[in-house]
């Protein structure tokens, strides 16, 4: 494909999903078709085309007062033409016009670019990966009266309300689209009749991803993870907040190792919307 070929920009269509999946495969990322469908259903995927196929993407996902930017992908033969930055700026402009604060999770390589565009760092997390299956170590003792069980239909309204208080916005539509993608990770914790934490997950191209993991304390978070991890045979990703050092040490004993750091960044704002004390693992850099 000639580098001088004209670029056409418009939202991604259903017919172009194979092109989007090809970009993910080329980059070695973990998303599958169901993830792209979340962006198409709940947000917007901006796509650049050349030669009749999609060669670059960037996606937005609104959460009320703020919105995520992610899935900035450019095929190798079209890099160094500014396509990714152009689509990123298009996302920022659209969100500003809609009155949303743009938020993204940056790799170390991406942070300088995002800083130059006006993004400020809020907090960090690391992607932890379990390759080889190992026995799960015992966790902290649970507080009395705490129970862990699979999520049932009757739990959903309470889970969404609990999550909204922690995340800083209602993302119930996203959470419901995760349900059923990794059943072993779908757990809720109760202390009496009050929700004390929950966890979801999803399947991926290269690994199962556990997240979000939201809990009142380390003991509840460990108990949720201890129920899910032994039931998952594939590699596992967990994007764990850096401040959760005790959980990270426990996961290291269960066979998890750090793959890469990421930084939550907000456009012209340094304070995040979420409750970081109860945020243990994010859904993923693409969803928040």
C-alpha atoms as a PDB file:
ATOM      1  CA  UNK A   1       0.000   0.000   0.000  1.00  0.00           C
ATOM      2  CA  UNK A   2       1.496   3.349  -1.021  1.00  0.00           C
ATOM      3  CA  UNK A   3       2.158   5.718   1.886  1.00  0.00           C
ATOM      4  CA  UNK A   4       0.675   8.555  -0.199  1.00  0.00           C
ATOM      5  CA  UNK A   5      -2.691   6.821  -0.528  1.00  0.00           C
ATOM      6  CA  UNK A   6      -5.557   9.056   0.691  1.00  0.00           C
ATOM      7  CA  UNK A   7      -6.856   8.413   4.204  1.00  0.00           C
ATOM      8  CA  UNK A   8     -10.612   8.344   4.824  1.00  0.00           C
ATOM      9  CA  UNK A   9     -11.915   8.710   8.412  1.00  0.00           C
ATOM     10  CA  UNK A  10     -15.330   7.607   9.683  1.00  0.00           C
ATOM     11  CA  UNK A  11     -16.745   5.481  12.546  1.00  0.00           C
ATOM     12  CA  UNK A  12     -16.062   1.748  12.330  1.00  0.00           C
ATOM     13  CA  UNK A  13     -18.857  -0.302  10.773  1.00  0.00           C
ATOM     14  CA  UNK A  14     -19.891  -3.871  11.570  1.00  0.00           C
ATOM     15  CA  UNK A  15     -18.570  -5.004   8.192  1.00  0.00           C
ATOM     16  CA  UNK A  16     -15.114  -3.690   9.117  1.00  0.00           C
ATOM     17  CA  UNK A  17     -14.796  -5.697  12.319  1.00  0.00           C
ATOM     18  CA  UNK A  18     -12.371  -8.186  10.685  1.00  0.00           C
ATOM     19  CA  UNK A  19     -10.025  -5.278   9.910  1.00  0.00           C
ATOM     20  CA  UNK A  20     -10.180  -4.125  13.529  1.00  0.00           C
ATOM     21  CA  UNK A  21      -9.449  -7.637  14.772  1.00  0.00           C
ATOM     22  CA  UNK A  22      -6.500  -7.828  12.371  1.00  0.00           C
ATOM     23  CA  UNK A  23      -5.036  -4.689  13.974  1.00  0.00           C
ATOM     24  CA  UNK A  24      -5.291  -6.340  17.397  1.00  0.00           C
ATOM     25  CA  UNK A  25      -3.590  -9.501  16.137  1.00  0.00           C
ATOM     26  CA  UNK A  26      -0.787  -7.476  14.540  1.00  0.00           C
ATOM     27  CA  UNK A  27      -0.201  -5.572  17.792  1.00  0.00           C
ATOM     28  CA  UNK A  28      -0.331  -8.754  19.889  1.00  0.00           C
ATOM     29  CA  UNK A  29      -3.091  -7.332  22.102  1.00  0.00           C
ATOM     30  CA  UNK A  30      -5.682  -9.385  23.964  1.00  0.00           C
ATOM     31  CA  UNK A  31      -9.028  -8.031  22.714  1.00  0.00           C
ATOM     32  CA  UNK A  32     -11.585 -10.153  20.899  1.00  0.00           C
ATOM     33  CA  UNK A  33     -14.641  -9.283  18.801  1.00  0.00           C
ATOM     34  CA  UNK A  34     -16.848  -8.930  21.902  1.00  0.00           C
ATOM     35  CA  UNK A  35     -14.602  -6.096  23.123  1.00  0.00           C
ATOM     36  CA  UNK A  36     -14.928  -4.183  19.868  1.00  0.00           C
ATOM     37  CA  UNK A  37     -18.695  -4.654  20.073  1.00  0.00           C
ATOM     38  CA  UNK A  38     -18.702  -2.935  23.482  1.00  0.00           C
ATOM     39  CA  UNK A  39     -17.146   0.161  21.938  1.00  0.00           C
ATOM     40  CA  UNK A  40     -19.515   0.096  18.979  1.00  0.00           C
ATOM     41  CA  UNK A  41     -22.572  -0.347  21.237  1.00  0.00           C
ATOM     42  CA  UNK A  42     -21.655   1.968  24.125  1.00  0.00           C
ATOM     43  CA  UNK A  43     -19.138   4.374  22.590  1.00  0.00           C
ATOM     44  CA  UNK A  44     -17.508   5.236  19.276  1.00  0.00           C
ATOM     45  CA  UNK A  45     -14.687   3.691  17.272  1.00  0.00           C
ATOM     46  CA  UNK A  46     -13.013   6.178  14.948  1.00  0.00           C
ATOM     47  CA  UNK A  47     -11.328   4.458  12.019  1.00  0.00           C
ATOM     48  CA  UNK A  48      -8.929   5.564   9.304  1.00  0.00           C
ATOM     49  CA  UNK A  49      -9.015   3.738   5.975  1.00  0.00           C
ATOM     50  CA  UNK A  50      -6.610   3.378   3.085  1.00  0.00           C
ATOM     51  CA  UNK A  51      -6.925   1.102   0.095  1.00  0.00           C
ATOM     52  CA  UNK A  52     -10.399   0.022   1.153  1.00  0.00           C
ATOM     53  CA  UNK A  53      -9.459  -1.306   4.597  1.00  0.00           C
ATOM     54  CA  UNK A  54      -9.126   0.015   8.128  1.00  0.00           C
ATOM     55  CA  UNK A  55      -5.514   0.864   8.948  1.00  0.00           C
ATOM     56  CA  UNK A  56      -5.919   2.744  12.244  1.00  0.00           C
ATOM     57  CA  UNK A  57      -8.423   3.078  15.084  1.00  0.00           C
ATOM     58  CA  UNK A  58      -9.117   4.977  18.300  1.00  0.00           C
ATOM     59  CA  UNK A  59     -12.130   4.437  20.548  1.00  0.00           C
ATOM     60  CA  UNK A  60     -14.065   6.402  23.148  1.00  0.00           C
ATOM     61  CA  UNK A  61     -16.315   5.050  25.894  1.00  0.00           C
ATOM     62  CA  UNK A  62     -18.350   7.609  27.889  1.00  0.00           C
ATOM     63  CA  UNK A  63     -19.062   7.268  31.607  1.00  0.00           C
ATOM     64  CA  UNK A  64     -21.093  10.379  32.310  1.00  0.00           C
ATOM     65  CA  UNK A  65     -18.750  13.128  33.523  1.00  0.00           C
ATOM     66  CA  UNK A  66     -15.697  11.451  31.986  1.00  0.00           C
ATOM     67  CA  UNK A  67     -14.901   9.103  29.107  1.00  0.00           C
ATOM     68  CA  UNK A  68     -12.189   6.600  28.175  1.00  0.00           C
ATOM     69  CA  UNK A  69      -9.939   6.801  25.152  1.00  0.00           C
ATOM     70  CA  UNK A  70      -8.274   3.582  24.017  1.00  0.00           C
ATOM     71  CA  UNK A  71      -7.684   1.119  21.176  1.00  0.00           C
ATOM     72  CA  UNK A  72      -5.273   3.516  19.440  1.00  0.00           C
ATOM     73  CA  UNK A  73      -3.908   1.119  16.827  1.00  0.00           C
ATOM     74  CA  UNK A  74      -2.079   1.708  13.554  1.00  0.00           C
ATOM     75  CA  UNK A  75      -0.981  -0.999  11.149  1.00  0.00           C
ATOM     76  CA  UNK A  76       2.780  -1.224  10.685  1.00  0.00           C
ATOM     77  CA  UNK A  77       2.920  -0.025   7.093  1.00  0.00           C
ATOM     78  CA  UNK A  78       1.009   3.158   7.986  1.00  0.00           C
ATOM     79  CA  UNK A  79       2.966   4.177  11.103  1.00  0.00           C
ATOM     80  CA  UNK A  80       4.971   7.401  11.407  1.00  0.00           C
ATOM     81  CA  UNK A  81       2.348   9.265   9.415  1.00  0.00           C
ATOM     82  CA  UNK A  82       0.635  10.736  12.485  1.00  0.00           C
ATOM     83  CA  UNK A  83      -2.522   8.647  12.071  1.00  0.00           C
ATOM     84  CA  UNK A  84      -2.670   7.527  15.694  1.00  0.00           C
ATOM     85  CA  UNK A  85      -2.144  11.051  17.015  1.00  0.00           C
ATOM     86  CA  UNK A  86      -4.706  12.429  14.578  1.00  0.00           C
ATOM     87  CA  UNK A  87      -7.366   9.972  15.737  1.00  0.00           C
ATOM     88  CA  UNK A  88      -6.413  10.560  19.373  1.00  0.00           C
ATOM     89  CA  UNK A  89      -6.891  14.308  18.932  1.00  0.00           C
ATOM     90  CA  UNK A  90     -10.217  13.642  17.251  1.00  0.00           C
ATOM     91  CA  UNK A  91     -11.313  11.660  20.314  1.00  0.00           C
ATOM     92  CA  UNK A  92     -10.193  14.445  22.679  1.00  0.00           C
ATOM     93  CA  UNK A  93     -12.045  17.085  20.665  1.00  0.00           C
ATOM     94  CA  UNK A  94     -15.249  15.028  20.538  1.00  0.00           C
ATOM     95  CA  UNK A  95     -15.182  14.392  24.284  1.00  0.00           C
ATOM     96  CA  UNK A  96     -14.444  18.033  25.090  1.00  0.00           C
ATOM     97  CA  UNK A  97     -17.374  19.055  22.932  1.00  0.00           C
ATOM     98  CA  UNK A  98     -19.574  16.571  24.820  1.00  0.00           C
ATOM     99  CA  UNK A  99     -18.423  17.977  28.176  1.00  0.00           C
ATOM    100  CA  UNK A 100     -16.546  14.812  29.215  1.00  0.00           C
ATOM    101  CA  UNK A 101     -13.085  14.696  30.776  1.00  0.00           C
ATOM    102  CA  UNK A 102     -10.916  12.406  28.601  1.00  0.00           C
ATOM    103  CA  UNK A 103      -9.175   9.613  30.549  1.00  0.00           C
ATOM    104  CA  UNK A 104      -6.733   6.957  29.366  1.00  0.00           C
ATOM    105  CA  UNK A 105      -4.295   4.363  30.672  1.00  0.00           C
ATOM    106  CA  UNK A 106      -0.829   4.969  29.252  1.00  0.00           C
ATOM    107  CA  UNK A 107       2.170   2.741  28.660  1.00  0.00           C
ATOM    108  CA  UNK A 108       5.605   4.204  29.482  1.00  0.00           C
ATOM    109  CA  UNK A 109       6.202   4.861  25.765  1.00  0.00           C
ATOM    110  CA  UNK A 110       2.898   6.709  25.447  1.00  0.00           C
ATOM    111  CA  UNK A 111       3.186   8.924  28.526  1.00  0.00           C
ATOM    112  CA  UNK A 112       5.396  11.649  26.942  1.00  0.00           C
ATOM    113  CA  UNK A 113       2.964  12.079  24.036  1.00  0.00           C
ATOM    114  CA  UNK A 114      -0.047  12.247  26.343  1.00  0.00           C
ATOM    115  CA  UNK A 115       1.680  14.749  28.625  1.00  0.00           C
ATOM    116  CA  UNK A 116       2.421  16.933  25.609  1.00  0.00           C
ATOM    117  CA  UNK A 117      -1.269  16.823  24.685  1.00  0.00           C
ATOM    118  CA  UNK A 118      -2.331  17.957  28.167  1.00  0.00           C
ATOM    119  CA  UNK A 119      -2.883  14.735  30.112  1.00  0.00           C
ATOM    120  CA  UNK A 120      -1.803  14.554  33.767  1.00  0.00           C
ATOM    121  CA  UNK A 121      -0.841  11.464  35.774  1.00  0.00           C
ATOM    122  CA  UNK A 122      -3.196  10.269  38.518  1.00  0.00           C
ATOM    123  CA  UNK A 123      -2.126   6.770  39.658  1.00  0.00           C
ATOM    124  CA  UNK A 124      -0.437   3.648  38.394  1.00  0.00           C
ATOM    125  CA  UNK A 125      -1.001  -0.067  38.025  1.00  0.00           C
ATOM    126  CA  UNK A 126       0.876  -3.054  36.663  1.00  0.00           C
ATOM    127  CA  UNK A 127      -0.262  -5.851  34.408  1.00  0.00           C
ATOM    128  CA  UNK A 128       0.449  -9.100  36.223  1.00  0.00           C
ATOM    129  CA  UNK A 129       0.571 -12.324  34.232  1.00  0.00           C
ATOM    130  CA  UNK A 130       0.275 -15.908  35.322  1.00  0.00           C
ATOM    131  CA  UNK A 131       1.724 -18.258  32.785  1.00  0.00           C
ATOM    132  CA  UNK A 132       2.352 -21.567  34.541  1.00  0.00           C
ATOM    133  CA  UNK A 133      -0.462 -22.803  36.775  1.00  0.00           C
ATOM    134  CA  UNK A 134       0.583 -22.948  40.426  1.00  0.00           C
ATOM    135  CA  UNK A 135      -1.325 -23.713  43.639  1.00  0.00           C
ATOM    136  CA  UNK A 136      -3.012 -20.683  45.181  1.00  0.00           C
ATOM    137  CA  UNK A 137      -1.581 -19.656  48.530  1.00  0.00           C
ATOM    138  CA  UNK A 138      -3.832 -19.112  51.534  1.00  0.00           C
ATOM    139  CA  UNK A 139      -4.940 -15.506  51.923  1.00  0.00           C
ATOM    140  CA  UNK A 140      -5.767 -13.274  54.858  1.00  0.00           C
ATOM    141  CA  UNK A 141      -8.530 -14.447  57.204  1.00  0.00           C
ATOM    142  CA  UNK A 142     -11.916 -13.038  56.230  1.00  0.00           C
ATOM    143  CA  UNK A 143     -13.807 -10.853  58.702  1.00  0.00           C
ATOM    144  CA  UNK A 144     -16.581 -12.697  60.522  1.00  0.00           C
ATOM    145  CA  UNK A 145     -19.862 -12.901  58.668  1.00  0.00           C
ATOM    146  CA  UNK A 146     -18.229 -12.476  55.227  1.00  0.00           C
ATOM    147  CA  UNK A 147     -19.362 -14.838  52.481  1.00  0.00           C
ATOM    148  CA  UNK A 148     -18.114 -15.325  48.917  1.00  0.00           C
ATOM    149  CA  UNK A 149     -20.326 -16.811  46.215  1.00  0.00           C
ATOM    150  CA  UNK A 150     -21.005 -16.720  42.470  1.00  0.00           C
ATOM    151  CA  UNK A 151     -22.933 -13.698  41.236  1.00  0.00           C
ATOM    152  CA  UNK A 152     -26.680 -14.284  40.808  1.00  0.00           C
ATOM    153  CA  UNK A 153     -29.237 -12.228  38.898  1.00  0.00           C
ATOM    154  CA  UNK A 154     -30.539 -10.757  42.153  1.00  0.00           C
ATOM    155  CA  UNK A 155     -27.092  -9.303  42.926  1.00  0.00           C
ATOM    156  CA  UNK A 156     -26.785  -7.088  39.852  1.00  0.00           C
ATOM    157  CA  UNK A 157     -28.517  -3.914  40.989  1.00  0.00           C
ATOM    158  CA  UNK A 158     -26.497  -3.908  44.205  1.00  0.00           C
ATOM    159  CA  UNK A 159     -23.230  -4.653  42.371  1.00  0.00           C
ATOM    160  CA  UNK A 160     -23.786  -1.823  39.897  1.00  0.00           C
ATOM    161  CA  UNK A 161     -24.575   0.616  42.704  1.00  0.00           C
ATOM    162  CA  UNK A 162     -21.501  -0.495  44.662  1.00  0.00           C
ATOM    163  CA  UNK A 163     -19.293  -0.213  41.575  1.00  0.00           C
ATOM    164  CA  UNK A 164     -20.645   3.221  40.687  1.00  0.00           C
ATOM    165  CA  UNK A 165     -19.672   4.550  44.119  1.00  0.00           C
ATOM    166  CA  UNK A 166     -16.110   3.259  43.627  1.00  0.00           C
ATOM    167  CA  UNK A 167     -15.561   3.956  39.918  1.00  0.00           C
ATOM    168  CA  UNK A 168     -17.133   7.408  40.051  1.00  0.00           C
ATOM    169  CA  UNK A 169     -19.797   6.751  37.416  1.00  0.00           C
ATOM    170  CA  UNK A 170     -22.417   4.233  36.404  1.00  0.00           C
ATOM    171  CA  UNK A 171     -20.841   1.599  34.153  1.00  0.00           C
ATOM    172  CA  UNK A 172     -23.552  -1.009  34.597  1.00  0.00           C
ATOM    173  CA  UNK A 173     -23.978  -1.394  30.833  1.00  0.00           C
ATOM    174  CA  UNK A 174     -20.318  -2.397  30.523  1.00  0.00           C
ATOM    175  CA  UNK A 175     -20.425  -4.767  33.498  1.00  0.00           C
ATOM    176  CA  UNK A 176     -23.473  -6.554  32.126  1.00  0.00           C
ATOM    177  CA  UNK A 177     -21.677  -7.104  28.817  1.00  0.00           C
ATOM    178  CA  UNK A 178     -18.831  -8.794  30.697  1.00  0.00           C
ATOM    179  CA  UNK A 179     -21.122 -11.285  32.383  1.00  0.00           C
ATOM    180  CA  UNK A 180     -20.760 -14.804  31.059  1.00  0.00           C
ATOM    181  CA  UNK A 181     -17.381 -14.217  29.402  1.00  0.00           C
ATOM    182  CA  UNK A 182     -15.356 -15.686  32.293  1.00  0.00           C
ATOM    183  CA  UNK A 183     -17.809 -17.413  34.656  1.00  0.00           C
ATOM    184  CA  UNK A 184     -15.098 -18.562  37.073  1.00  0.00           C
ATOM    185  CA  UNK A 185     -14.335 -14.925  37.914  1.00  0.00           C
ATOM    186  CA  UNK A 186     -17.916 -13.830  38.559  1.00  0.00           C
ATOM    187  CA  UNK A 187     -17.901 -13.602  42.359  1.00  0.00           C
ATOM    188  CA  UNK A 188     -19.495 -11.338  44.948  1.00  0.00           C
ATOM    189  CA  UNK A 189     -18.650 -10.860  48.630  1.00  0.00           C
ATOM    190  CA  UNK A 190     -21.197  -9.994  51.296  1.00  0.00           C
ATOM    191  CA  UNK A 191     -20.765  -8.902  54.889  1.00  0.00           C
ATOM    192  CA  UNK A 192     -24.178  -9.683  56.280  1.00  0.00           C
ATOM    193  CA  UNK A 193     -26.591  -8.288  53.706  1.00  0.00           C
ATOM    194  CA  UNK A 194     -24.162  -5.610  52.454  1.00  0.00           C
ATOM    195  CA  UNK A 195     -21.915  -6.032  49.393  1.00  0.00           C
ATOM    196  CA  UNK A 196     -18.254  -5.943  50.408  1.00  0.00           C
ATOM    197  CA  UNK A 197     -16.714  -6.572  46.990  1.00  0.00           C
ATOM    198  CA  UNK A 198     -17.159  -8.199  43.602  1.00  0.00           C
ATOM    199  CA  UNK A 199     -15.135  -9.422  40.653  1.00  0.00           C
ATOM    200  CA  UNK A 200     -15.707 -10.092  36.958  1.00  0.00           C
ATOM    201  CA  UNK A 201     -13.543 -11.167  34.036  1.00  0.00           C
ATOM    202  CA  UNK A 202     -13.481 -11.827  30.332  1.00  0.00           C
ATOM    203  CA  UNK A 203     -11.930 -14.101  27.767  1.00  0.00           C
ATOM    204  CA  UNK A 204      -9.168 -12.801  25.498  1.00  0.00           C
ATOM    205  CA  UNK A 205      -6.985 -13.757  22.549  1.00  0.00           C
ATOM    206  CA  UNK A 206      -3.950 -14.672  24.649  1.00  0.00           C
ATOM    207  CA  UNK A 207      -5.193 -14.743  28.248  1.00  0.00           C
ATOM    208  CA  UNK A 208      -8.223 -14.551  30.479  1.00  0.00           C
ATOM    209  CA  UNK A 209      -8.443 -11.146  32.165  1.00  0.00           C
ATOM    210  CA  UNK A 210      -9.689 -10.773  35.739  1.00  0.00           C
ATOM    211  CA  UNK A 211     -11.186  -7.361  36.434  1.00  0.00           C
ATOM    212  CA  UNK A 212     -12.740  -5.295  37.708  1.00  0.00           C
ATOM    213  CA  UNK A 213     -11.907  -6.320  41.252  1.00  0.00           C
ATOM    214  CA  UNK A 214     -13.468  -3.937  43.753  1.00  0.00           C
ATOM    215  CA  UNK A 215     -13.427  -4.685  47.480  1.00  0.00           C
ATOM    216  CA  UNK A 216     -13.531  -3.170  50.938  1.00  0.00           C
ATOM    217  CA  UNK A 217     -10.125  -4.506  51.960  1.00  0.00           C
ATOM    218  CA  UNK A 218      -7.244  -6.846  51.116  1.00  0.00           C
ATOM    219  CA  UNK A 219      -8.827  -9.850  52.806  1.00  0.00           C
ATOM    220  CA  UNK A 220     -11.977  -9.659  50.687  1.00  0.00           C
ATOM    221  CA  UNK A 221      -9.974  -9.046  47.498  1.00  0.00           C
ATOM    222  CA  UNK A 222      -7.750 -12.072  48.187  1.00  0.00           C
ATOM    223  CA  UNK A 223     -10.750 -14.260  48.936  1.00  0.00           C
ATOM    224  CA  UNK A 224     -12.386 -13.322  45.640  1.00  0.00           C
ATOM    225  CA  UNK A 225      -9.200 -14.030  43.698  1.00  0.00           C
ATOM    226  CA  UNK A 226      -8.614 -17.302  45.553  1.00  0.00           C
ATOM    227  CA  UNK A 227     -12.005 -18.563  44.366  1.00  0.00           C
ATOM    228  CA  UNK A 228     -11.386 -17.695  40.710  1.00  0.00           C
ATOM    229  CA  UNK A 229      -7.719 -18.365  39.975  1.00  0.00           C
ATOM    230  CA  UNK A 230      -7.701 -22.164  40.537  1.00  0.00           C
ATOM    231  CA  UNK A 231     -10.673 -22.558  38.200  1.00  0.00           C
ATOM    232  CA  UNK A 232      -8.943 -20.855  35.242  1.00  0.00           C
ATOM    233  CA  UNK A 233      -6.494 -23.047  33.316  1.00  0.00           C
ATOM    234  CA  UNK A 234      -5.365 -20.493  30.729  1.00  0.00           C
ATOM    235  CA  UNK A 235      -2.856 -17.680  31.264  1.00  0.00           C
ATOM    236  CA  UNK A 236      -4.349 -14.858  33.340  1.00  0.00           C
ATOM    237  CA  UNK A 237      -3.932 -11.078  33.242  1.00  0.00           C
ATOM    238  CA  UNK A 238      -4.683  -8.930  36.285  1.00  0.00           C
ATOM    239  CA  UNK A 239      -4.166  -5.159  36.044  1.00  0.00           C
ATOM    240  CA  UNK A 240      -3.475  -4.475  39.726  1.00  0.00           C
ATOM    241  CA  UNK A 241      -3.216  -1.037  41.353  1.00  0.00           C
ATOM    242  CA  UNK A 242       0.331  -0.262  42.484  1.00  0.00           C
ATOM    243  CA  UNK A 243      -0.775   0.687  46.002  1.00  0.00           C
ATOM    244  CA  UNK A 244      -2.074  -2.850  46.596  1.00  0.00           C
ATOM    245  CA  UNK A 245       1.366  -4.142  47.567  1.00  0.00           C
ATOM    246  CA  UNK A 246       0.148  -6.915  49.853  1.00  0.00           C
ATOM    247  CA  UNK A 247      -2.085  -8.370  47.140  1.00  0.00           C
ATOM    248  CA  UNK A 248       0.761  -8.117  44.650  1.00  0.00           C
ATOM    249  CA  UNK A 249       3.088 -10.053  46.957  1.00  0.00           C
ATOM    250  CA  UNK A 250       0.396 -12.697  47.473  1.00  0.00           C
ATOM    251  CA  UNK A 251      -0.158 -12.999  43.707  1.00  0.00           C
ATOM    252  CA  UNK A 252       3.597 -13.374  43.175  1.00  0.00           C
ATOM    253  CA  UNK A 253       3.442 -16.412  45.434  1.00  0.00           C
ATOM    254  CA  UNK A 254       0.625 -17.739  43.219  1.00  0.00           C
ATOM    255  CA  UNK A 255       2.785 -17.545  40.093  1.00  0.00           C
ATOM    256  CA  UNK A 256       2.076 -14.015  38.830  1.00  0.00           C
ATOM    257  CA  UNK A 257       4.825 -11.762  37.466  1.00  0.00           C
ATOM    258  CA  UNK A 258       4.783  -8.128  36.360  1.00  0.00           C
ATOM    259  CA  UNK A 259       4.618  -7.657  32.609  1.00  0.00           C
ATOM    260  CA  UNK A 260       4.394  -3.857  32.246  1.00  0.00           C
ATOM    261  CA  UNK A 261       3.404  -0.686  34.115  1.00  0.00           C
ATOM    262  CA  UNK A 262       0.534   1.593  33.111  1.00  0.00           C
ATOM    263  CA  UNK A 263      -0.482   5.041  34.308  1.00  0.00           C
ATOM    264  CA  UNK A 264      -3.991   6.454  34.585  1.00  0.00           C
ATOM    265  CA  UNK A 265      -3.987   9.925  33.051  1.00  0.00           C
ATOM    266  CA  UNK A 266      -6.694  12.586  32.825  1.00  0.00           C
ATOM    267  CA  UNK A 267      -6.912  15.487  30.413  1.00  0.00           C
ATOM    268  CA  UNK A 268      -5.944  18.688  32.227  1.00  0.00           C
ATOM    269  CA  UNK A 269      -6.812  17.117  35.567  1.00  0.00           C
ATOM    270  CA  UNK A 270      -4.585  15.262  38.042  1.00  0.00           C
ATOM    271  CA  UNK A 271      -7.272  13.866  40.352  1.00  0.00           C
ATOM    272  CA  UNK A 272      -9.065  10.708  39.226  1.00  0.00           C
ATOM    273  CA  UNK A 273     -12.774  10.102  39.683  1.00  0.00           C
ATOM    274  CA  UNK A 274     -12.393   6.670  41.290  1.00  0.00           C
ATOM    275  CA  UNK A 275     -11.992   5.553  44.897  1.00  0.00           C
ATOM    276  CA  UNK A 276      -8.479   4.140  44.745  1.00  0.00           C
ATOM    277  CA  UNK A 277      -8.711   2.586  48.209  1.00  0.00           C
ATOM    278  CA  UNK A 278     -11.316   0.083  46.974  1.00  0.00           C
ATOM    279  CA  UNK A 279     -10.039  -0.272  43.392  1.00  0.00           C
ATOM    280  CA  UNK A 280      -7.827  -3.367  43.267  1.00  0.00           C
ATOM    281  CA  UNK A 281      -7.875  -4.400  39.589  1.00  0.00           C
ATOM    282  CA  UNK A 282      -9.251  -2.399  36.662  1.00  0.00           C
ATOM    283  CA  UNK A 283     -11.299  -3.915  33.843  1.00  0.00           C
ATOM    284  CA  UNK A 284      -8.347  -3.259  31.551  1.00  0.00           C
ATOM    285  CA  UNK A 285      -6.603  -0.264  29.963  1.00  0.00           C
ATOM    286  CA  UNK A 286      -9.193  -0.215  27.209  1.00  0.00           C
ATOM    287  CA  UNK A 287     -12.232   0.072  29.504  1.00  0.00           C
ATOM    288  CA  UNK A 288     -11.063   1.666  32.760  1.00  0.00           C
END
